Amino acid sequence: MNRKRYSVEQIVAVLKQAELGLPVGDLIRQVGISEQTYYRWKKQYGGLEPSQVRELKQVSDVNGGVIPGQRGGVKAGQ
């Protein structure tokens, strides 16, 4: 199965849809992700607003693509 990469903006948009009341089961089917992926995203990016995503991208660009606070040097957008 091919892996699809999602940007931080796309992930935040998916999480926002769930916050607005779309059932998680329907949402993960529409997006094409597993329930495990959804909850991992929620743990990592939950509560971020679009302005915070822009700040995160700017900080990661300054830091050579490494997101602050992530273990193992996870690169932005991965």
N, C-alpha and C. Protein backbone atom coordinates (compact mmCIF):
# COMPACT_ATOMS: atom_id res chain seq x y z
N MET A 1 0.84 -1.17 0.00
CA MET A 1 0.00 0.00 0.00
C MET A 1 0.89 1.24 0.00
N ASN A 2 0.57 2.20 -0.86
CA ASN A 2 1.36 3.43 -0.94
C ASN A 2 1.07 4.32 0.26
N ARG A 3 2.13 4.93 0.76
CA ARG A 3 1.98 5.88 1.87
C ARG A 3 1.74 7.26 1.30
N LYS A 4 0.88 7.99 1.94
CA LYS A 4 0.57 9.34 1.52
C LYS A 4 1.08 10.27 2.61
N ARG A 5 1.80 11.28 2.22
CA ARG A 5 2.32 12.24 3.19
C ARG A 5 1.37 13.43 3.28
N TYR A 6 1.10 13.86 4.48
CA TYR A 6 0.23 14.99 4.71
C TYR A 6 1.04 16.11 5.34
N SER A 7 0.78 17.35 4.90
CA SER A 7 1.45 18.50 5.50
C SER A 7 0.82 18.78 6.86
N VAL A 8 1.50 19.57 7.65
CA VAL A 8 0.99 19.92 8.97
C VAL A 8 -0.34 20.66 8.82
N GLU A 9 -0.45 21.51 7.78
CA GLU A 9 -1.70 22.24 7.56
C GLU A 9 -2.85 21.28 7.27
N GLN A 10 -2.59 20.25 6.48
CA GLN A 10 -3.63 19.27 6.17
C GLN A 10 -4.03 18.49 7.42
N ILE A 11 -3.06 18.14 8.23
CA ILE A 11 -3.35 17.40 9.46
C ILE A 11 -4.21 18.23 10.40
N VAL A 12 -3.85 19.51 10.56
CA VAL A 12 -4.62 20.39 11.43
C VAL A 12 -6.04 20.56 10.90
N ALA A 13 -6.20 20.62 9.57
CA ALA A 13 -7.54 20.75 8.98
C ALA A 13 -8.38 19.51 9.28
N VAL A 14 -7.78 18.33 9.20
CA VAL A 14 -8.50 17.09 9.52
C VAL A 14 -8.92 17.09 10.98
N LEU A 15 -8.02 17.47 11.87
CA LEU A 15 -8.34 17.49 13.29
C LEU A 15 -9.43 18.52 13.59
N LYS A 16 -9.41 19.64 12.88
CA LYS A 16 -10.43 20.67 13.08
C LYS A 16 -11.81 20.16 12.68
N GLN A 17 -11.88 19.36 11.61
CA GLN A 17 -13.16 18.78 11.18
C GLN A 17 -13.73 17.89 12.29
N ALA A 18 -12.86 17.13 12.93
CA ALA A 18 -13.32 16.26 14.02
C ALA A 18 -13.81 17.09 15.20
N GLU A 19 -13.12 18.20 15.48
CA GLU A 19 -13.55 19.08 16.57
C GLU A 19 -14.91 19.69 16.29
N LEU A 20 -15.22 19.91 15.01
CA LEU A 20 -16.49 20.52 14.63
C LEU A 20 -17.64 19.53 14.64
N GLY A 21 -17.36 18.27 14.94
CA GLY A 21 -18.44 17.31 15.13
C GLY A 21 -18.54 16.20 14.12
N LEU A 22 -17.66 16.16 13.12
CA LEU A 22 -17.69 15.06 12.15
C LEU A 22 -17.23 13.79 12.87
N PRO A 23 -18.00 12.71 12.80
CA PRO A 23 -17.60 11.47 13.48
C PRO A 23 -16.23 10.99 12.99
N VAL A 24 -15.40 10.55 13.93
CA VAL A 24 -14.04 10.14 13.62
C VAL A 24 -14.03 9.00 12.60
N GLY A 25 -14.94 8.04 12.73
CA GLY A 25 -14.99 6.92 11.79
C GLY A 25 -15.22 7.39 10.36
N ASP A 26 -16.14 8.34 10.18
CA ASP A 26 -16.40 8.88 8.84
C ASP A 26 -15.20 9.67 8.33
N LEU A 27 -14.60 10.45 9.22
CA LEU A 27 -13.47 11.30 8.84
C LEU A 27 -12.27 10.48 8.37
N ILE A 28 -11.92 9.43 9.12
CA ILE A 28 -10.74 8.65 8.74
C ILE A 28 -10.98 7.90 7.43
N ARG A 29 -12.23 7.53 7.17
CA ARG A 29 -12.55 6.89 5.88
C ARG A 29 -12.39 7.87 4.73
N GLN A 30 -12.87 9.10 4.93
CA GLN A 30 -12.78 10.13 3.90
C GLN A 30 -11.33 10.48 3.58
N VAL A 31 -10.52 10.61 4.63
CA VAL A 31 -9.12 11.02 4.46
C VAL A 31 -8.26 9.85 4.00
N GLY A 32 -8.65 8.64 4.39
CA GLY A 32 -7.89 7.46 4.00
C GLY A 32 -6.75 7.14 4.96
N ILE A 33 -7.00 7.36 6.26
CA ILE A 33 -6.00 7.06 7.27
C ILE A 33 -6.59 6.06 8.26
N SER A 34 -5.71 5.48 9.07
CA SER A 34 -6.18 4.55 10.09
C SER A 34 -6.58 5.33 11.35
N GLU A 35 -7.31 4.66 12.20
CA GLU A 35 -7.70 5.28 13.47
C GLU A 35 -6.47 5.57 14.31
N GLN A 36 -5.49 4.70 14.25
CA GLN A 36 -4.24 4.90 14.99
C GLN A 36 -3.54 6.17 14.53
N THR A 37 -3.51 6.39 13.21
CA THR A 37 -2.88 7.60 12.66
C THR A 37 -3.62 8.83 13.15
N TYR A 38 -4.95 8.79 13.15
CA TYR A 38 -5.74 9.93 13.61
C TYR A 38 -5.37 10.29 15.05
N TYR A 39 -5.33 9.31 15.92
CA TYR A 39 -5.06 9.60 17.32
C TYR A 39 -3.60 10.01 17.55
N ARG A 40 -2.69 9.51 16.72
CA ARG A 40 -1.30 9.97 16.80
C ARG A 40 -1.21 11.44 16.40
N TRP A 41 -1.91 11.81 15.32
CA TRP A 41 -1.95 13.21 14.89
C TRP A 41 -2.58 14.08 15.98
N LYS A 42 -3.65 13.57 16.59
CA LYS A 42 -4.34 14.34 17.62
C LYS A 42 -3.41 14.60 18.80
N LYS A 43 -2.64 13.59 19.16
CA LYS A 43 -1.70 13.73 20.27
C LYS A 43 -0.60 14.73 19.92
N GLN A 44 -0.13 14.67 18.69
CA GLN A 44 1.00 15.50 18.28
C GLN A 44 0.58 16.92 17.91
N TYR A 45 -0.53 17.08 17.20
CA TYR A 45 -0.91 18.38 16.66
C TYR A 45 -2.23 18.91 17.22
N GLY A 46 -2.86 18.21 18.12
CA GLY A 46 -4.15 18.63 18.65
C GLY A 46 -4.07 20.00 19.31
N GLY A 47 -5.03 20.85 19.01
CA GLY A 47 -5.08 22.18 19.61
C GLY A 47 -4.33 23.24 18.84
N LEU A 48 -3.63 22.88 17.77
CA LEU A 48 -2.92 23.88 16.98
C LEU A 48 -3.90 24.66 16.13
N GLU A 49 -3.67 25.94 16.02
CA GLU A 49 -4.45 26.82 15.15
C GLU A 49 -3.61 27.10 13.90
N PRO A 50 -4.23 27.53 12.82
CA PRO A 50 -3.47 27.82 11.59
C PRO A 50 -2.30 28.78 11.80
N SER A 51 -2.48 29.79 12.65
CA SER A 51 -1.37 30.73 12.90
C SER A 51 -0.21 30.03 13.60
N GLN A 52 -0.52 29.09 14.47
CA GLN A 52 0.53 28.34 15.16
C GLN A 52 1.25 27.41 14.20
N VAL A 53 0.55 26.90 13.19
CA VAL A 53 1.17 26.04 12.19
C VAL A 53 2.20 26.84 11.41
N ARG A 54 1.85 28.08 11.05
CA ARG A 54 2.80 28.93 10.33
C ARG A 54 4.04 29.19 11.18
N GLU A 55 3.84 29.48 12.48
CA GLU A 55 4.96 29.70 13.39
C GLU A 55 5.83 28.44 13.49
N LEU A 56 5.20 27.28 13.57
CA LEU A 56 5.92 26.02 13.66
C LEU A 56 6.78 25.80 12.43
N LYS A 57 6.22 26.12 11.25
CA LYS A 57 6.98 25.98 10.01
C LYS A 57 8.16 26.93 9.99
N GLN A 58 7.97 28.17 10.46
CA GLN A 58 9.05 29.15 10.47
C GLN A 58 10.16 28.70 11.40
N VAL A 59 9.79 28.21 12.57
CA VAL A 59 10.79 27.75 13.54
C VAL A 59 11.53 26.54 12.99
N SER A 60 10.81 25.63 12.34
CA SER A 60 11.47 24.43 11.82
C SER A 60 12.39 24.79 10.66
N ASP A 61 12.04 25.82 9.88
CA ASP A 61 12.93 26.26 8.80
C ASP A 61 14.22 26.83 9.37
N VAL A 62 14.11 27.59 10.44
CA VAL A 62 15.29 28.18 11.09
C VAL A 62 16.15 27.08 11.70
N ASN A 63 15.51 26.04 12.25
CA ASN A 63 16.24 24.96 12.92
C ASN A 63 16.66 23.85 11.96
N GLY A 64 16.62 24.07 10.68
CA GLY A 64 17.03 23.06 9.73
C GLY A 64 16.01 21.96 9.54
N GLY A 65 14.74 22.25 9.76
CA GLY A 65 13.68 21.27 9.53
C GLY A 65 13.31 20.43 10.73
N VAL A 66 13.96 20.63 11.86
CA VAL A 66 13.66 19.85 13.05
C VAL A 66 12.59 20.57 13.86
N ILE A 67 11.52 19.87 14.19
CA ILE A 67 10.45 20.46 14.99
C ILE A 67 10.87 20.45 16.45
N PRO A 68 10.80 21.62 17.12
CA PRO A 68 11.19 21.66 18.53
C PRO A 68 10.30 20.76 19.37
N GLY A 69 10.89 20.09 20.34
CA GLY A 69 10.13 19.25 21.25
C GLY A 69 9.87 17.85 20.73
N GLN A 70 10.35 17.50 19.56
CA GLN A 70 10.14 16.17 19.01
C GLN A 70 11.35 15.30 19.30
N ARG A 71 11.08 14.05 19.59
CA ARG A 71 12.17 13.10 19.86
C ARG A 71 12.77 12.63 18.55
N GLY A 72 14.04 12.35 18.57
CA GLY A 72 14.70 11.72 17.44
C GLY A 72 14.86 12.61 16.23
N GLY A 73 14.74 13.92 16.37
CA GLY A 73 14.96 14.81 15.24
C GLY A 73 13.95 14.63 14.11
N VAL A 74 12.68 14.54 14.45
CA VAL A 74 11.65 14.38 13.44
C VAL A 74 11.60 15.64 12.59
N LYS A 75 11.67 15.48 11.28
CA LYS A 75 11.64 16.62 10.38
C LYS A 75 10.21 17.10 10.17
N ALA A 76 10.07 18.39 9.92
CA ALA A 76 8.75 18.98 9.68
C ALA A 76 8.14 18.37 8.42
N GLY A 77 6.84 18.07 8.48
CA GLY A 77 6.13 17.54 7.34
C GLY A 77 6.29 16.04 7.14
N GLN A 78 6.87 15.35 8.08
CA GLN A 78 7.04 13.89 7.93
C GLN A 78 6.14 13.16 8.86
